[in-house]
Amino acid sequence: MKNIKEAEAEGGINKQNIRYYEKMGLLHPDRNTINGYRKYSEEDIRRLKFIYLF
C-alpha cells in the first residue's frame, strides 16, 4: 500500500487530480481508521494510470 505522495510519483498524476478522481467515484483507496490517510493499492495505481490515459 502506498500513500498519496508515492501514488503521485508512481502514477505520474498530481495529488489534486488523484483526489478529484476519488471525489468523482473513479477511485476508492483504503483509509487509515486512525488518521484518515489514504492508502493506494497496486490496483489503485493501475486504475490511475488507465484514467490518465483517457
N, C-alpha and C. Protein backbone atom coordinates (compact mmCIF):
# COMPACT_ATOMS: atom_id res chain seq x y z
N MET A 1 0.84 -1.18 0.00
CA MET A 1 0.00 0.00 0.00
C MET A 1 0.89 1.24 0.00
N LYS A 2 0.46 2.23 -0.74
CA LYS A 2 1.25 3.45 -0.90
C LYS A 2 0.44 4.66 -0.42
N ASN A 3 1.15 5.66 0.07
CA ASN A 3 0.46 6.89 0.44
C ASN A 3 0.27 7.75 -0.82
N ILE A 4 -0.37 8.89 -0.69
CA ILE A 4 -0.71 9.69 -1.87
C ILE A 4 0.55 10.22 -2.57
N LYS A 5 1.58 10.53 -1.81
CA LYS A 5 2.82 11.02 -2.42
C LYS A 5 3.47 9.94 -3.28
N GLU A 6 3.48 8.71 -2.79
CA GLU A 6 4.04 7.60 -3.56
C GLU A 6 3.17 7.29 -4.78
N ALA A 7 1.85 7.35 -4.61
CA ALA A 7 0.94 7.11 -5.74
C ALA A 7 1.11 8.19 -6.80
N GLU A 8 1.31 9.42 -6.35
CA GLU A 8 1.54 10.55 -7.26
C GLU A 8 2.80 10.31 -8.09
N ALA A 9 3.87 9.88 -7.44
CA ALA A 9 5.14 9.65 -8.14
C ALA A 9 5.04 8.46 -9.10
N GLU A 10 4.44 7.38 -8.65
CA GLU A 10 4.37 6.18 -9.48
C GLU A 10 3.37 6.33 -10.62
N GLY A 11 2.26 7.00 -10.36
CA GLY A 11 1.24 7.15 -11.39
C GLY A 11 1.48 8.31 -12.34
N GLY A 12 2.35 9.23 -11.94
CA GLY A 12 2.63 10.39 -12.79
C GLY A 12 1.49 11.39 -12.82
N ILE A 13 0.68 11.39 -11.77
CA ILE A 13 -0.50 12.26 -11.69
C ILE A 13 -0.41 13.04 -10.38
N ASN A 14 -0.73 14.33 -10.41
CA ASN A 14 -0.60 15.11 -9.18
C ASN A 14 -1.71 14.78 -8.18
N LYS A 15 -1.46 15.08 -6.91
CA LYS A 15 -2.39 14.66 -5.86
C LYS A 15 -3.75 15.34 -5.94
N GLN A 16 -3.80 16.54 -6.51
CA GLN A 16 -5.10 17.19 -6.67
C GLN A 16 -5.98 16.38 -7.63
N ASN A 17 -5.38 15.89 -8.71
CA ASN A 17 -6.15 15.07 -9.65
C ASN A 17 -6.54 13.74 -9.03
N ILE A 18 -5.65 13.15 -8.25
CA ILE A 18 -5.97 11.89 -7.58
C ILE A 18 -7.18 12.09 -6.67
N ARG A 19 -7.18 13.15 -5.91
CA ARG A 19 -8.31 13.43 -5.01
C ARG A 19 -9.59 13.71 -5.80
N TYR A 20 -9.45 14.38 -6.93
CA TYR A 20 -10.61 14.65 -7.79
C TYR A 20 -11.20 13.33 -8.31
N TYR A 21 -10.35 12.42 -8.77
CA TYR A 21 -10.83 11.13 -9.25
C TYR A 21 -11.54 10.37 -8.14
N GLU A 22 -11.04 10.49 -6.93
CA GLU A 22 -11.69 9.85 -5.80
C GLU A 22 -13.07 10.48 -5.55
N LYS A 23 -13.12 11.80 -5.59
CA LYS A 23 -14.39 12.51 -5.38
C LYS A 23 -15.42 12.14 -6.44
N MET A 24 -14.96 11.91 -7.68
CA MET A 24 -15.86 11.56 -8.77
C MET A 24 -16.28 10.08 -8.73
N GLY A 25 -15.71 9.32 -7.80
CA GLY A 25 -16.06 7.92 -7.65
C GLY A 25 -15.28 6.98 -8.55
N LEU A 26 -14.22 7.47 -9.17
CA LEU A 26 -13.42 6.64 -10.07
C LEU A 26 -12.35 5.84 -9.33
N LEU A 27 -12.09 6.22 -8.11
CA LEU A 27 -11.01 5.61 -7.34
C LEU A 27 -11.49 5.44 -5.90
N HIS A 28 -11.16 4.31 -5.28
CA HIS A 28 -11.63 4.03 -3.92
C HIS A 28 -10.49 3.51 -3.05
N PRO A 29 -9.57 4.39 -2.65
CA PRO A 29 -8.46 3.92 -1.81
C PRO A 29 -8.95 3.58 -0.40
N ASP A 30 -8.21 2.70 0.26
CA ASP A 30 -8.48 2.40 1.66
C ASP A 30 -8.08 3.61 2.49
N ARG A 31 -8.69 3.72 3.66
CA ARG A 31 -8.33 4.82 4.56
C ARG A 31 -7.90 4.25 5.90
N ASN A 32 -6.89 4.87 6.47
CA ASN A 32 -6.43 4.52 7.80
C ASN A 32 -7.49 5.00 8.78
N THR A 33 -8.00 4.11 9.62
CA THR A 33 -9.07 4.49 10.54
C THR A 33 -8.60 5.43 11.65
N ILE A 34 -7.32 5.44 11.93
CA ILE A 34 -6.80 6.29 12.99
C ILE A 34 -6.62 7.72 12.52
N ASN A 35 -5.95 7.91 11.37
CA ASN A 35 -5.64 9.27 10.93
C ASN A 35 -6.33 9.67 9.63
N GLY A 36 -7.06 8.76 8.98
CA GLY A 36 -7.80 9.09 7.77
C GLY A 36 -6.96 9.18 6.50
N TYR A 37 -5.67 8.86 6.60
CA TYR A 37 -4.82 8.92 5.41
C TYR A 37 -5.26 7.89 4.39
N ARG A 38 -5.14 8.24 3.12
CA ARG A 38 -5.48 7.33 2.04
C ARG A 38 -4.32 6.37 1.81
N LYS A 39 -4.65 5.12 1.48
CA LYS A 39 -3.65 4.11 1.13
C LYS A 39 -4.05 3.52 -0.20
N TYR A 40 -3.14 3.57 -1.16
CA TYR A 40 -3.41 3.14 -2.53
C TYR A 40 -2.77 1.79 -2.80
N SER A 41 -3.57 0.86 -3.30
CA SER A 41 -3.08 -0.48 -3.65
C SER A 41 -2.48 -0.44 -5.06
N GLU A 42 -1.87 -1.54 -5.45
CA GLU A 42 -1.34 -1.64 -6.81
C GLU A 42 -2.47 -1.52 -7.83
N GLU A 43 -3.64 -2.06 -7.51
CA GLU A 43 -4.80 -1.94 -8.40
C GLU A 43 -5.22 -0.48 -8.53
N ASP A 44 -5.18 0.28 -7.44
CA ASP A 44 -5.49 1.71 -7.49
C ASP A 44 -4.51 2.44 -8.40
N ILE A 45 -3.23 2.09 -8.33
CA ILE A 45 -2.21 2.73 -9.16
C ILE A 45 -2.45 2.41 -10.63
N ARG A 46 -2.78 1.14 -10.92
CA ARG A 46 -3.10 0.77 -12.31
C ARG A 46 -4.31 1.55 -12.82
N ARG A 47 -5.31 1.70 -11.97
CA ARG A 47 -6.51 2.44 -12.35
C ARG A 47 -6.17 3.91 -12.62
N LEU A 48 -5.32 4.50 -11.79
CA LEU A 48 -4.88 5.88 -12.00
C LEU A 48 -4.24 6.05 -13.37
N LYS A 49 -3.36 5.13 -13.70
CA LYS A 49 -2.68 5.20 -15.00
C LYS A 49 -3.68 5.06 -16.14
N PHE A 50 -4.66 4.18 -15.99
CA PHE A 50 -5.68 3.98 -17.01
C PHE A 50 -6.53 5.25 -17.18
N ILE A 51 -6.97 5.83 -16.07
CA ILE A 51 -7.78 7.05 -16.11
C ILE A 51 -7.00 8.17 -16.78
N TYR A 52 -5.72 8.28 -16.45
CA TYR A 52 -4.88 9.34 -17.01
C TYR A 52 -4.75 9.23 -18.52
N LEU A 53 -4.73 7.99 -19.04
CA LEU A 53 -4.61 7.79 -20.48
C LEU A 53 -5.84 8.28 -21.24
N PHE A 54 -7.00 8.24 -20.60
CA PHE A 54 -8.24 8.63 -21.27
C PHE A 54 -8.76 9.86 -20.63
